[in-house]
Amino acid sequence: MENIANTPFWSWIPADRLRPQSGTLEQLSGYPNKAPSSLRSNVTLTIEKAWSLPIAELSCEHVRMLTSQKFGLQWIARPVAVFVSLHAKAEITFFPGDMTMMALKAFDEIAAASPEGAALIRNTDFSWMAEEYDFSVELIDEARLLVEKIGARPF
């Protein structure tokens, strides 16, 4: 699968599985998310934009970045889990399965926000990682540790 960073996140989730919440993360959380000018970076700018967009308009990269920073997971944990369960190998921005790796890293927060989402991730087939990540010993070791940590089937 090619890089899907700029595609609408919700286009990857069947409407009969889950529909987006209405509103923005800013509205749902009750607070704006704006970094001080001294901390402006691609990460902070992406998070700020995602925070102010309607959830239904988030791109895959917005959701990947929110997940990587563990922001807004109380509202997007289940959608992230559904995405990972359906498209574990999807390449958002950097490499195949980069959203999956972010979800594995944020698993505790996802589980706290959505036990059903945690179960979806835990039951995902991660066997593809062995071959896909063979280019990096560090990445495959990290993936194995994360999969083991969440109690999923090892690969």
Protein backbone atom coordinates (compact mmCIF):
# COMPACT_ATOMS: atom_id res chain seq x y z
CA MET A 1 0.00 0.00 0.00
CA GLU A 2 1.31 3.45 -0.87
CA ASN A 3 1.67 6.40 1.49
CA ILE A 4 -1.84 7.49 2.53
CA ALA A 5 -0.94 10.43 4.82
CA ASN A 6 -3.17 12.97 3.09
CA THR A 7 -6.18 10.76 2.56
CA PRO A 8 -9.22 11.22 4.79
CA PHE A 9 -8.87 8.93 7.81
CA TRP A 10 -12.57 8.03 7.82
CA SER A 11 -12.44 6.83 4.21
CA TRP A 12 -10.54 3.79 5.53
CA ILE A 13 -13.19 2.81 8.07
CA PRO A 14 -16.43 1.27 6.79
CA ALA A 15 -19.42 3.38 7.85
CA ASP A 16 -21.18 0.29 9.15
CA ARG A 17 -18.30 -0.30 11.60
CA LEU A 18 -17.97 3.18 13.08
CA ARG A 19 -18.93 6.76 12.38
CA PRO A 20 -16.94 9.83 13.41
CA GLN A 21 -17.98 11.89 16.38
CA SER A 22 -19.18 15.37 15.58
CA GLY A 23 -17.16 18.38 16.57
CA THR A 24 -13.47 19.03 16.98
CA LEU A 25 -11.07 17.74 19.60
CA GLU A 26 -10.88 21.32 20.87
CA GLN A 27 -14.65 21.40 21.37
CA LEU A 28 -14.76 17.94 22.94
CA SER A 29 -11.84 18.60 25.28
CA GLY A 30 -12.87 22.13 26.16
CA TYR A 31 -9.43 23.59 25.64
CA PRO A 32 -7.33 24.89 22.75
CA ASN A 33 -4.06 23.19 21.92
CA LYS A 34 -1.52 25.79 20.91
CA ALA A 35 2.20 25.43 21.54
CA PRO A 36 4.28 28.45 22.56
CA SER A 37 6.08 30.06 19.64
CA SER A 38 9.41 28.80 20.98
CA LEU A 39 8.19 25.21 20.58
CA ARG A 40 6.77 25.45 17.04
CA SER A 41 7.61 22.41 14.94
CA ASN A 42 6.01 20.19 12.35
CA VAL A 43 4.67 18.06 15.19
CA THR A 44 3.08 20.95 17.09
CA LEU A 45 1.68 22.51 13.92
CA THR A 46 0.14 19.21 12.79
CA ILE A 47 -1.36 18.60 16.23
CA GLU A 48 -2.77 22.14 16.40
CA LYS A 49 -4.40 21.79 12.99
CA ALA A 50 -5.83 18.37 13.86
CA TRP A 51 -7.14 19.69 17.18
CA SER A 52 -9.18 22.37 15.45
CA LEU A 53 -10.54 20.33 12.52
CA PRO A 54 -13.82 18.46 12.71
CA ILE A 55 -13.00 14.85 13.61
CA ALA A 56 -14.71 13.73 10.40
CA GLU A 57 -12.17 15.76 8.38
CA LEU A 58 -8.96 14.42 9.94
CA SER A 59 -6.38 12.97 7.57
CA CYS A 60 -4.53 9.74 8.24
CA GLU A 61 -1.44 11.79 9.11
CA HIS A 62 -3.39 13.89 11.62
CA VAL A 63 -4.57 10.73 13.37
CA ARG A 64 -1.11 9.12 13.23
CA MET A 65 0.44 12.23 14.77
CA LEU A 66 -2.26 12.54 17.45
CA THR A 67 -1.74 8.89 18.32
CA SER A 68 2.04 9.24 18.43
CA GLN A 69 1.73 12.14 20.86
CA LYS A 70 -1.11 10.45 22.78
CA PHE A 71 -3.41 13.44 22.25
CA GLY A 72 -7.17 13.11 21.97
CA LEU A 73 -7.15 9.36 22.45
CA GLN A 74 -10.22 9.50 24.67
CA TRP A 75 -12.10 10.40 21.46
CA ILE A 76 -10.12 8.64 18.73
CA ALA A 77 -8.89 5.44 20.44
CA ARG A 78 -11.59 3.21 19.01
CA PRO A 79 -11.30 4.60 15.47
CA VAL A 80 -7.52 4.11 15.63
CA ALA A 81 -8.04 0.53 16.79
CA VAL A 82 -10.55 -0.19 14.01
CA PHE A 83 -8.12 1.27 11.47
CA VAL A 84 -5.23 -0.84 12.80
CA SER A 85 -7.35 -3.99 12.85
CA LEU A 86 -8.35 -3.45 9.20
CA HIS A 87 -5.17 -1.88 7.80
CA ALA A 88 -2.31 -2.86 10.11
CA LYS A 89 0.26 -2.70 7.31
CA ALA A 90 -0.86 0.69 5.96
CA GLU A 91 1.90 3.20 5.35
CA ILE A 92 0.76 6.59 6.54
CA THR A 93 3.94 8.64 6.28
CA PHE A 94 7.17 6.78 6.99
CA PHE A 95 6.95 3.01 6.59
CA PRO A 96 4.36 0.23 6.39
CA GLY A 97 2.55 -0.09 9.69
CA ASP A 98 3.64 3.26 11.11
CA MET A 99 0.13 3.90 12.50
CA THR A 100 0.17 0.41 13.96
CA MET A 101 3.48 1.09 15.69
CA MET A 102 2.10 4.34 17.13
CA ALA A 103 -1.01 2.51 18.36
CA LEU A 104 1.16 -0.16 19.99
CA LYS A 105 3.20 2.54 21.73
CA ALA A 106 0.00 4.24 22.93
CA PHE A 107 -1.71 0.95 23.79
CA ASP A 108 -2.15 1.68 27.51
CA GLU A 109 -3.89 4.97 26.75
CA ILE A 110 -6.00 3.35 24.03
CA ALA A 111 -6.99 0.55 26.43
CA ALA A 112 -7.98 3.08 29.09
CA ALA A 113 -10.16 5.00 26.61
CA SER A 114 -11.57 2.01 24.74
CA PRO A 115 -11.33 -1.54 26.08
CA GLU A 116 -13.05 -2.70 22.88
CA GLY A 117 -10.40 -0.93 20.83
CA ALA A 118 -7.64 -2.53 22.88
CA ALA A 119 -9.14 -5.96 22.17
CA LEU A 120 -9.21 -5.20 18.43
CA ILE A 121 -5.53 -4.27 18.47
CA ARG A 122 -4.57 -7.24 20.64
CA ASN A 123 -6.32 -9.59 18.17
CA THR A 124 -4.64 -8.09 15.10
CA ASP A 125 -2.30 -10.29 13.07
CA PHE A 126 1.20 -8.82 13.36
CA SER A 127 3.02 -11.65 11.56
CA TRP A 128 3.69 -9.42 8.54
CA MET A 129 6.11 -7.36 10.66
CA ALA A 130 8.77 -10.09 10.62
CA GLU A 131 9.31 -9.74 6.89
CA GLU A 132 8.36 -6.08 6.47
CA TYR A 133 10.77 -4.83 9.15
CA ASP A 134 13.70 -7.11 8.33
CA PHE A 135 15.59 -4.02 7.09
CA SER A 136 16.02 -2.79 10.69
CA VAL A 137 16.99 -4.91 13.67
CA GLU A 138 15.98 -2.07 15.99
CA LEU A 139 12.52 -1.70 14.46
CA ILE A 140 11.75 -5.40 14.44
CA ASP A 141 12.98 -5.74 18.04
CA GLU A 142 10.83 -2.80 19.10
CA ALA A 143 7.80 -4.21 17.27
CA ARG A 144 8.27 -7.62 18.91
CA LEU A 145 8.55 -6.06 22.37
CA LEU A 146 5.44 -3.94 21.85
CA VAL A 147 3.41 -6.88 20.54
CA GLU A 148 4.55 -9.00 23.49
CA LYS A 149 3.78 -6.18 25.95
CA ILE A 150 0.13 -5.92 24.87
CA GLY A 151 -0.35 -9.68 25.05
CA ALA A 152 -0.89 -10.19 21.33
CA ARG A 153 0.18 -13.26 19.42
CA PRO A 154 3.97 -13.03 18.90
CA PHE A 155 5.51 -13.18 15.46
